[in-house]
Amino acid sequence: MPKLKTKKAAAKRFKITATGKLKRHKCNTQHILGKKSRKRKRNLRHATTVDKTVENSIKKKLLPYA
């Protein structure tokens, strides 16, 4: 069976933590920032973890060797 290729787009977007969880950046931070509150923009700066329901599929299909 041939080796699986890592999806490079996913590899650039996700990082694996020491405990094995996937870390991602939050969306809605690029443009149209004038209507968003200061508190909302400040909270969007911080990274968060991927939801458990999609974490396994990302690890198995998109990042097989991560």
Protein backbone atom coordinates (compact mmCIF):
# COMPACT_ATOMS: atom_id res chain seq x y z
CA MET A 1 0.00 0.00 0.00
CA PRO A 2 1.44 3.41 -0.91
CA LYS A 3 2.29 6.05 1.63
CA LEU A 4 -0.37 8.64 2.46
CA LYS A 5 0.31 12.24 1.58
CA THR A 6 -0.13 14.98 4.15
CA LYS A 7 -2.50 17.71 3.01
CA LYS A 8 -0.21 20.74 3.08
CA ALA A 9 -3.07 23.23 3.49
CA ALA A 10 -4.10 21.46 6.70
CA ALA A 11 -0.51 21.19 7.91
CA LYS A 12 -0.18 24.97 7.68
CA ARG A 13 -3.41 25.58 9.60
CA PHE A 14 -3.16 23.10 12.46
CA LYS A 15 -0.48 22.44 15.07
CA ILE A 16 -0.40 19.46 17.43
CA THR A 17 -0.02 20.19 21.15
CA ALA A 18 2.04 18.12 23.57
CA THR A 19 -1.09 16.29 24.72
CA GLY A 20 -2.06 15.41 21.14
CA LYS A 21 -4.83 17.94 20.61
CA LEU A 22 -5.07 20.10 17.49
CA LYS A 23 -4.59 23.83 17.84
CA ARG A 24 -6.13 26.28 15.36
CA HIS A 25 -6.54 30.02 14.88
CA LYS A 26 -9.94 31.65 15.07
CA CYS A 27 -11.65 33.12 12.03
CA ASN A 28 -13.19 36.59 11.45
CA THR A 29 -9.96 38.52 12.05
CA GLN A 30 -9.01 39.67 8.54
CA HIS A 31 -11.36 42.46 7.47
CA ILE A 32 -14.58 44.32 8.36
CA LEU A 33 -13.16 44.92 11.83
CA GLY A 34 -14.80 48.29 12.40
CA LYS A 35 -18.15 46.82 13.39
CA LYS A 36 -16.63 44.29 15.78
CA SER A 37 -16.16 45.29 19.37
CA ARG A 38 -12.74 45.69 20.94
CA LYS A 39 -13.44 42.81 23.30
CA ARG A 40 -14.45 40.52 20.45
CA LYS A 41 -11.34 41.31 18.42
CA ARG A 42 -9.13 40.79 21.46
CA ASN A 43 -10.65 37.37 22.12
CA LEU A 44 -10.20 36.35 18.48
CA ARG A 45 -6.42 36.79 18.75
CA HIS A 46 -5.94 33.69 20.87
CA ALA A 47 -5.72 30.20 19.40
CA THR A 48 -8.13 27.48 20.42
CA THR A 49 -8.45 23.72 20.03
CA VAL A 50 -10.30 21.85 17.30
CA ASP A 51 -13.66 20.37 18.26
CA LYS A 52 -13.59 16.70 19.29
CA THR A 53 -16.11 15.71 16.61
CA VAL A 54 -13.75 16.59 13.73
CA GLU A 55 -10.39 16.10 15.43
CA ASN A 56 -10.11 12.38 14.59
CA SER A 57 -10.99 12.85 10.92
CA ILE A 58 -8.42 15.63 10.55
CA LYS A 59 -5.72 13.53 12.18
CA LYS A 60 -6.45 10.39 10.13
CA LYS A 61 -7.19 11.85 6.70
CA LEU A 62 -5.48 15.24 6.48
CA LEU A 63 -2.48 14.79 8.80
CA PRO A 64 -1.72 11.05 8.82
CA TYR A 65 1.85 11.37 10.15
CA ALA A 66 1.45 14.25 12.58
